[in-house]
Amino acid sequence: MRQALAILFTFISLQVSAQGSMDWWDQLHNYPDAAGPDRSRYINLSPGYLGPNAMIIPSLPNMIIDNEFWIQTFGQYHSGNGDKTKNFFLKGNFPLSRDKVSLYINSVPYESWEVTPETRDERRMMNYDGKGRNTGDIAYGVIFKVFRENHWLPFNFGFRLHTKTTTGGNLNNARSTDNSLYQWEGNFSKTMIDKEEERLLLKASLGFVTWQTNKNRLPGGSRHNQNDAPYYGFGVEYVNHNWSLGSDIVGYMGYIGNRDYPHFLRTQAQYRMGKWALRSEFNYGLQSWDWNSISFGFRYYVMDALN
């Protein structure tokens, strides 16, 4: 019994010592000789080396301006890349000019995560136990519709400007970038079926994404302070009575080559009941984005703000 207690006490002492000291991290990552005295500079600011909420790419717009003011809440679960993350996701749509301009805002107010020791060490995370909780970034975007289908052009066309803020925490554990991300894009859509209760629409997007990186020259790191990437996407959307279904594939290709080329295959399904709607999404990660994500939640349509 005494031997068992002694072993247990030794194990607990080692765990407390490991978590309270950074010696294990310093030795593992050759600190400070590898990249200087600022520990946060050791984190690779690239989609494939961060948590799944660090560099969220918004869903592909259909260029039919949503004139309703609505709010949405999701529960999300991400699994893959040695990382399991759960979080809440909030989004709101705010029409600014009928059929012309809309604003959206989304955020991750809370996430909890757990990674394997291998992922912890690869990302140079500083929590020894590979677990934690934090808040994510607030992001927002504005969609401008320029041409309406079958007027000047045979398709809808407009622009989207999207950016994320630096409100997210826990850079030292590779959960957020602590730097802004900017996305500019042109969006196209073409209606293939247009009936009173049914619509089939194809949509596409071309644009540009840019973000700040850590210039640390470490494995998986960067020799530059900024990464730029062409962005592209293609999707289909189908509406029938109260059902809305969609699928798209989007991605971007950074020029540094450190897992900065994520692609996503995404599906969405919604069933609307008056002012309420049930909504689910499934995102399948491709290339340097190795998470599969499931989302489920509610959308509440507050009012048609621009009658």
Foldseek 3Di string as FASTA:
>chain_A
DVVVVVVVVVVVVVVVVVQVDCPVLCVLQVPPVQFHPDLLLLAWPACLLADVQADDDDDADQLQDDLFWKKWKKWKWKDFPQKTKTFIKIKIKADDDHRFKIKMKMWTQKMKMAGDPVSQSVRSARRNRRIDMWTTWMKMKMKGWDDPDPPPHPKTKTKMKIKIAQPTDRSSRRHYDSWMKIKIKMKIKHWPDDDPFKTKMKMKMKIKMKIATRCRPDVLHFVDGMKMWIKMKIKMWMGGHQKIKIWMKIWIDTDGPSLRTKIKTKIKIWGDDVQKIKIKMWICIDDSNTMIMIMTIMMGGPGSPHD
